[in-house]
C-alpha cells in the first residue's frame, strides 16, 4: 500500500526541461534508468532544490547562469567566505538533472567540460534543421561564453559515453593536438552478437585493418587494402553473457573491451562486423549489422585519459556502460 501511494504521488511530478519540453518523473525514470521502470524511484526524488529551481527557470524562460549547493548553519550571522560545496546526489537528482539539462555533466572547469553522451544524440550539428540538436549545441545553450566550435573529438550518434569539449580556443587547440598525436587513451565496451570463441578468436589481441569511405553508399566504410586508412584496434574479451532483446528473446553475446590506437571512422564497428575483423557485428548496429525496434547500438566509450590543457595534470575519467 505504501508503494502504491508513493507511485500515485510521483505520477504528479513534472519537470520543465532546457529543450522546452515538459517531462514526467515516470517518463524520465523509464527512459534513462530502466531499473526504475517497474518500481518507484527513491522517496524524495524531485523534492531537492536543484530540480525545483531549474524547473522554475525553464518554465519561465529564464537562463540559469550558475548554481551551487553548500552546507550553511543558521547559527552563523554572516555567510562564510569559504563553504563546502555539495554535488547533486546520484540517488535522486542524478536521475532527473541530466534529462532536465539535456546533458549529463561529469566534470567542468573554466577550460573544459566532460559529459556522458547518450545514445541517439549527435555529437556535433549536421546539415539541416532536423540535425541541430546535439551535444555541442546543448553545451553552448547552457554555457553562453563557450567558443563557437567546442568539439575536440566525436562519438557516433548511436554510441554513448565520454565526450570532451573545450570552452576556450587555447584549450581547443591543445586538446585537438593531443588527439592528433595519439596522446589520448580511450577504452570502449561493446556487446557483440555472437560468441567469438566459437570463431577461434583469441582472448586478447590487436587488429590492423584498412578502410575507406564508400562514396556510393555514405557513410559506410569499406575494406580497401590499397587505398584504405590503417585502423589499429586492441581488444580484450571480458565475458560471454545472455542478452535480453526488446522483443523478449535471449541469446548469447560477447562483452568486449576495445582500445583504439587510431581514430578512424566507424573503426570499432568495422573491427567487429567486417569479415577481415571478427565477422560478428555489435548488437544494434544499423550500418554493419542489425537493429531491432527499441534496440540501441551496444557500444559505449567507458574510459578516457588526457592532459589538462591548462594545468598539465593527467585527467582520467571512467563511465560504466548502461548495458
Protein backbone atom coordinates (compact mmCIF):
# COMPACT_ATOMS: atom_id res chain seq x y z
CA UNK A 1 0.00 0.00 0.00
CA UNK A 2 2.89 2.35 0.75
CA UNK A 3 4.42 1.61 -2.66
CA UNK A 4 1.10 2.24 -4.41
CA UNK A 5 0.63 5.51 -2.55
CA UNK A 6 4.17 6.66 -3.40
CA UNK A 7 3.65 5.76 -7.05
CA UNK A 8 0.48 7.88 -7.24
CA UNK A 9 2.27 10.83 -5.66
CA UNK A 10 5.21 10.56 -8.05
CA UNK A 11 2.83 10.50 -11.03
CA UNK A 12 2.10 14.14 -10.16
CA UNK A 13 5.74 15.20 -10.64
CA UNK A 14 6.53 17.00 -13.91
CA UNK A 15 9.65 18.95 -14.87
CA UNK A 16 10.21 21.69 -17.44
CA UNK A 17 13.45 20.94 -19.30
CA UNK A 18 16.06 23.01 -21.14
CA UNK A 19 14.69 21.95 -24.54
CA UNK A 20 11.28 23.43 -23.68
CA UNK A 21 9.58 20.07 -23.15
CA UNK A 22 7.64 19.02 -20.06
CA UNK A 23 8.50 15.52 -18.82
CA UNK A 24 7.04 13.44 -16.03
CA UNK A 25 9.19 11.80 -13.39
CA UNK A 26 7.94 8.39 -14.55
CA UNK A 27 8.96 9.15 -18.14
CA UNK A 28 12.43 10.27 -17.07
CA UNK A 29 12.99 7.17 -14.93
CA UNK A 30 11.74 4.76 -17.59
CA UNK A 31 13.83 6.33 -20.36
CA UNK A 32 17.18 6.75 -18.64
CA UNK A 33 17.04 4.31 -15.76
CA UNK A 34 15.36 1.05 -16.83
CA UNK A 35 15.93 -0.35 -13.35
CA UNK A 36 13.23 2.04 -12.11
CA UNK A 37 10.77 1.09 -14.85
CA UNK A 38 8.84 -1.38 -12.74
CA UNK A 39 9.44 0.14 -9.30
CA UNK A 40 9.30 3.55 -7.72
CA UNK A 41 12.37 5.81 -7.74
CA UNK A 42 13.74 6.66 -4.27
CA UNK A 43 11.44 8.58 -1.93
CA UNK A 44 12.08 12.30 -2.24
CA UNK A 45 13.15 12.19 -5.89
CA UNK A 46 12.21 15.56 -7.33
CA UNK A 47 11.97 17.35 -3.96
CA UNK A 48 15.52 18.74 -3.91
CA UNK A 49 16.32 22.40 -4.57
CA UNK A 50 18.22 21.96 -7.84
CA UNK A 51 15.45 20.36 -9.94
CA UNK A 52 12.84 22.71 -8.44
CA UNK A 53 14.87 25.83 -9.24
CA UNK A 54 15.70 24.65 -12.75
CA UNK A 55 12.06 23.72 -13.35
CA UNK A 56 11.01 27.27 -12.39
CA UNK A 57 13.70 28.78 -14.62
CA UNK A 58 12.83 26.75 -17.72
CA UNK A 59 9.08 27.20 -17.15
CA UNK A 60 9.53 30.98 -17.09
CA UNK A 61 12.03 31.08 -19.99
CA UNK A 62 14.92 32.11 -17.76
CA UNK A 63 18.54 31.17 -18.47
CA UNK A 64 20.31 29.84 -15.36
CA UNK A 65 23.79 31.36 -15.13
CA UNK A 66 25.14 29.47 -12.14
CA UNK A 67 24.06 27.19 -9.32
CA UNK A 68 25.81 25.72 -6.32
CA UNK A 69 24.69 23.87 -3.21
CA UNK A 70 26.52 24.08 0.09
CA UNK A 71 26.10 23.46 3.81
CA UNK A 72 25.14 26.54 5.81
CA UNK A 73 24.48 26.81 9.52
CA UNK A 74 21.56 29.08 10.52
CA UNK A 75 23.55 30.00 13.65
CA UNK A 76 26.10 31.82 11.51
CA UNK A 77 25.45 35.57 11.44
CA UNK A 78 27.36 36.12 8.19
CA UNK A 79 27.76 33.82 5.23
CA UNK A 80 31.27 32.31 5.37
CA UNK A 81 33.76 33.16 2.64
CA UNK A 82 34.62 29.52 2.10
CA UNK A 83 31.89 26.90 2.14
CA UNK A 84 31.75 23.20 1.42
CA UNK A 85 30.11 22.73 -1.96
CA UNK A 86 27.90 19.67 -2.29
CA UNK A 87 27.31 17.98 -5.65
CA UNK A 88 23.81 16.77 -6.56
CA UNK A 89 23.07 13.33 -5.15
CA UNK A 90 23.35 10.44 -7.59
CA UNK A 91 20.47 8.55 -5.99
CA UNK A 92 17.79 11.18 -6.68
CA UNK A 93 18.99 14.26 -8.57
CA UNK A 94 21.24 12.05 -10.70
CA UNK A 95 18.07 10.61 -12.21
CA UNK A 96 16.44 13.94 -13.08
CA UNK A 97 19.09 16.60 -13.76
CA UNK A 98 20.70 15.05 -16.88
CA UNK A 99 17.28 14.91 -18.54
CA UNK A 100 16.37 18.44 -17.48
CA UNK A 101 19.66 19.90 -18.68
CA UNK A 102 19.86 17.71 -21.77
CA UNK A 103 23.36 16.50 -20.88
CA UNK A 104 24.99 14.53 -18.07
CA UNK A 105 27.94 16.60 -16.88
CA UNK A 106 30.71 14.58 -15.25
CA UNK A 107 33.29 17.37 -14.90
CA UNK A 108 33.59 21.06 -15.67
CA UNK A 109 36.06 23.88 -15.08
CA UNK A 110 36.90 27.15 -16.87
CA UNK A 111 38.62 25.35 -19.76
CA UNK A 112 36.89 22.02 -20.42
CA UNK A 113 33.75 20.00 -19.87
CA UNK A 114 33.37 16.21 -19.86
CA UNK A 115 29.92 14.73 -20.49
CA UNK A 116 28.35 11.30 -20.76
CA UNK A 117 26.72 11.41 -24.20
CA UNK A 118 23.51 9.44 -24.56
CA UNK A 119 22.93 7.03 -27.45
CA UNK A 120 20.87 8.55 -30.27
CA UNK A 121 22.19 12.11 -29.91
CA UNK A 122 24.63 13.71 -32.38
CA UNK A 123 27.99 14.93 -31.08
CA UNK A 124 28.07 17.92 -33.47
CA UNK A 125 25.36 19.56 -35.60
CA UNK A 126 24.66 18.13 -39.03
CA UNK A 127 23.14 19.60 -42.16
CA UNK A 128 19.55 20.76 -41.94
CA UNK A 129 17.38 22.00 -39.07
CA UNK A 130 16.47 18.46 -38.02
CA UNK A 131 20.13 17.75 -37.17
CA UNK A 132 20.85 20.75 -34.96
CA UNK A 133 20.08 19.05 -31.65
CA UNK A 134 23.46 17.74 -30.48
CA UNK A 135 25.89 17.80 -27.55
CA UNK A 136 27.71 20.86 -28.91
CA UNK A 137 24.56 22.98 -29.15
CA UNK A 138 23.26 21.80 -25.79
CA UNK A 139 26.56 22.76 -24.15
CA UNK A 140 26.52 26.17 -25.87
CA UNK A 141 22.95 26.75 -24.69
CA UNK A 142 23.92 26.05 -21.07
CA UNK A 143 27.24 27.93 -21.26
CA UNK A 144 26.84 31.05 -23.44
CA UNK A 145 30.51 32.04 -23.06
CA UNK A 146 31.60 28.81 -24.77
CA UNK A 147 33.52 29.14 -28.06
CA UNK A 148 31.64 28.64 -31.32
CA UNK A 149 33.17 25.20 -32.00
CA UNK A 150 33.99 23.42 -28.71
CA UNK A 151 34.20 19.88 -30.10
CA UNK A 152 37.65 18.23 -29.99
CA UNK A 153 36.52 14.69 -30.89
CA UNK A 154 33.29 12.89 -31.74
CA UNK A 155 31.26 9.80 -30.99
CA UNK A 156 28.86 8.24 -33.50
CA UNK A 157 25.26 9.23 -32.89
CA UNK A 158 24.38 5.70 -31.72
CA UNK A 159 27.44 5.44 -29.43
CA UNK A 160 27.21 6.58 -25.81
CA UNK A 161 29.88 7.56 -23.35
CA UNK A 162 32.65 10.02 -22.53
CA UNK A 163 32.99 13.14 -24.63
CA UNK A 164 35.33 16.11 -24.04
CA UNK A 165 34.60 19.67 -25.15
CA UNK A 166 36.62 22.88 -24.78
CA UNK A 167 35.38 26.25 -23.51
CA UNK A 168 38.34 28.30 -24.82
CA UNK A 169 40.30 28.47 -28.08
CA UNK A 170 43.55 27.70 -26.28
CA UNK A 171 42.10 24.56 -24.67
CA UNK A 172 40.58 23.54 -28.01
CA UNK A 173 43.95 23.78 -29.83
CA UNK A 174 45.74 21.87 -27.08
CA UNK A 175 43.22 19.01 -26.91
CA UNK A 176 42.98 18.69 -30.70
CA UNK A 177 46.75 18.36 -30.82
CA UNK A 178 46.67 15.61 -28.18
CA UNK A 179 44.12 13.64 -30.24
CA UNK A 180 46.10 14.15 -33.46
CA UNK A 181 49.32 12.96 -31.81
CA UNK A 182 47.64 9.91 -30.27
CA UNK A 183 48.25 11.04 -26.70
CA UNK A 184 44.66 10.47 -25.58
CA UNK A 185 43.91 7.00 -24.24
CA UNK A 186 40.41 5.58 -24.77
CA UNK A 187 38.59 2.36 -23.94
CA UNK A 188 35.20 1.18 -25.17
CA UNK A 189 32.81 -1.57 -24.10
CA UNK A 190 30.72 -3.41 -26.71
CA UNK A 191 28.30 -6.34 -26.83
CA UNK A 192 28.88 -8.44 -29.95
CA UNK A 193 26.11 -10.51 -31.50
CA UNK A 194 27.64 -13.96 -31.02
CA UNK A 195 30.32 -15.96 -29.23
CA UNK A 196 33.77 -15.00 -30.51
CA UNK A 197 35.42 -18.08 -29.02
CA UNK A 198 33.42 -20.29 -31.41
CA UNK A 199 35.12 -18.47 -34.31
CA UNK A 200 38.56 -19.19 -32.88
CA UNK A 201 39.18 -15.59 -31.83
CA UNK A 202 41.77 -15.20 -29.07
CA UNK A 203 41.01 -13.74 -25.66
CA UNK A 204 43.25 -10.76 -26.37
CA UNK A 205 44.87 -9.35 -29.44
CA UNK A 206 45.28 -6.49 -31.91
CA UNK A 207 43.87 -5.94 -35.40
CA UNK A 208 45.26 -3.84 -38.25
CA UNK A 209 42.59 -3.13 -40.86
CA UNK A 210 42.30 -0.79 -43.86
CA UNK A 211 39.06 1.01 -44.74
CA UNK A 212 37.88 3.95 -46.80
CA UNK A 213 34.59 5.72 -47.43
CA UNK A 214 32.14 4.00 -49.77
CA UNK A 215 31.37 7.10 -51.89
CA UNK A 216 28.30 5.45 -53.38
CA UNK A 217 26.87 4.46 -50.01
CA UNK A 218 27.75 7.12 -47.45
CA UNK A 219 28.55 6.97 -44.56
CA UNK A 220 29.50 3.29 -44.91
CA UNK A 221 33.18 2.36 -44.88
CA UNK A 222 34.55 -0.50 -46.99
CA UNK A 223 37.69 -2.63 -46.95
CA UNK A 224 40.45 -1.38 -49.24
CA UNK A 225 43.93 -2.78 -48.70
CA UNK A 226 45.37 -0.42 -51.34
CA UNK A 227 43.78 2.95 -50.57
CA UNK A 228 42.25 2.44 -47.13
CA UNK A 229 43.44 4.16 -43.96
CA UNK A 230 45.03 1.92 -41.33
CA UNK A 231 42.92 1.29 -38.24
CA UNK A 232 44.65 -0.36 -35.27
CA UNK A 233 42.47 -1.78 -32.51
CA UNK A 234 43.40 -3.75 -29.39
CA UNK A 235 40.74 -6.00 -27.88
CA UNK A 236 40.11 -7.99 -24.71
CA UNK A 237 37.23 -10.47 -24.40
CA UNK A 238 35.62 -9.89 -20.99
CA UNK A 239 32.73 -12.32 -20.82
CA UNK A 240 30.05 -14.35 -22.57
CA UNK A 241 26.58 -13.50 -21.26
CA UNK A 242 22.88 -13.72 -22.00
CA UNK A 243 21.36 -10.76 -23.82
CA UNK A 244 17.68 -9.91 -23.39
CA UNK A 245 16.36 -8.28 -26.57
CA UNK A 246 13.47 -5.76 -26.59
CA UNK A 247 11.18 -8.41 -28.13
CA UNK A 248 11.74 -10.69 -25.13
CA UNK A 249 14.11 -13.14 -26.81
CA UNK A 250 17.51 -14.04 -25.35
CA UNK A 251 20.81 -15.11 -26.85
CA UNK A 252 24.50 -15.48 -26.04
CA UNK A 253 26.67 -12.44 -26.72
CA UNK A 254 30.27 -11.47 -26.05
CA UNK A 255 31.29 -8.46 -23.98
CA UNK A 256 34.48 -6.96 -25.38
CA UNK A 257 36.76 -4.13 -24.33
CA UNK A 258 38.23 -2.20 -27.27
CA UNK A 259 41.28 0.07 -27.10
CA UNK A 260 41.59 2.04 -30.37
CA UNK A 261 45.13 3.14 -31.22
CA UNK A 262 43.91 5.14 -34.22
CA UNK A 263 40.81 7.27 -34.68
CA UNK A 264 39.18 6.11 -37.91
CA UNK A 265 35.50 6.47 -38.77
CA UNK A 266 33.44 3.50 -37.53
CA UNK A 267 36.69 1.80 -36.51
CA UNK A 268 35.28 -0.41 -33.75
CA UNK A 269 32.09 -1.24 -35.63
CA UNK A 270 34.15 -2.42 -38.59
CA UNK A 271 36.66 -4.31 -36.44
CA UNK A 272 33.66 -6.25 -35.14
CA UNK A 273 31.44 -6.71 -38.21
CA UNK A 274 33.78 -6.88 -41.19
CA UNK A 275 34.98 -10.27 -42.43
CA UNK A 276 38.58 -9.07 -42.12
CA UNK A 277 37.94 -8.47 -38.43
CA UNK A 278 35.74 -10.63 -36.19
CA UNK A 279 32.86 -11.03 -38.63
CA UNK A 280 30.48 -10.51 -35.68
CA UNK A 281 28.65 -7.14 -35.57
CA UNK A 282 27.92 -5.13 -32.46
CA UNK A 283 24.32 -5.53 -31.32
CA UNK A 284 22.08 -2.75 -32.62
CA UNK A 285 24.45 -1.68 -35.42
CA UNK A 286 22.25 -0.04 -38.06
CA UNK A 287 25.09 0.20 -40.60
CA UNK A 288 27.01 -3.06 -40.38
CA UNK A 289 24.64 -5.35 -38.51
CA UNK A 290 21.01 -5.50 -37.44
CA UNK A 291 18.96 -3.28 -35.12
CA UNK A 292 15.56 -4.40 -33.80
CA UNK A 293 12.87 -1.96 -32.77
CA UNK A 294 13.63 -0.48 -29.37
CA UNK A 295 17.29 -1.52 -29.57
CA UNK A 296 20.39 0.67 -29.44
CA UNK A 297 23.98 0.25 -30.56
CA UNK A 298 25.70 -1.57 -27.71
CA UNK A 299 28.89 0.49 -27.86
CA UNK A 300 29.98 2.78 -25.03
CA UNK A 301 33.06 4.98 -24.51
CA UNK A 302 33.95 3.90 -20.99
CA UNK A 303 37.39 5.39 -20.28
CA UNK A 304 39.41 8.41 -21.37
CA UNK A 305 42.71 9.85 -20.18
CA UNK A 306 44.37 13.07 -21.36
CA UNK A 307 46.45 16.01 -20.17
CA UNK A 308 44.58 19.06 -18.92
CA UNK A 309 45.26 21.85 -21.44
CA UNK A 310 45.97 24.46 -18.74
CA UNK A 311 47.20 22.72 -15.60
CA UNK A 312 49.16 19.97 -17.34
CA UNK A 313 47.74 17.38 -14.95
CA UNK A 314 46.63 13.95 -16.12
CA UNK A 315 42.83 13.77 -16.25
CA UNK A 316 41.22 10.32 -16.12
CA UNK A 317 37.51 9.54 -16.34
CA UNK A 318 35.60 6.26 -16.20
CA UNK A 319 31.92 5.93 -17.02
CA UNK A 320 30.37 2.47 -16.87
CA UNK A 321 28.05 1.43 -19.73
CA UNK A 322 24.28 1.33 -19.16
CA UNK A 323 24.15 -2.20 -20.56
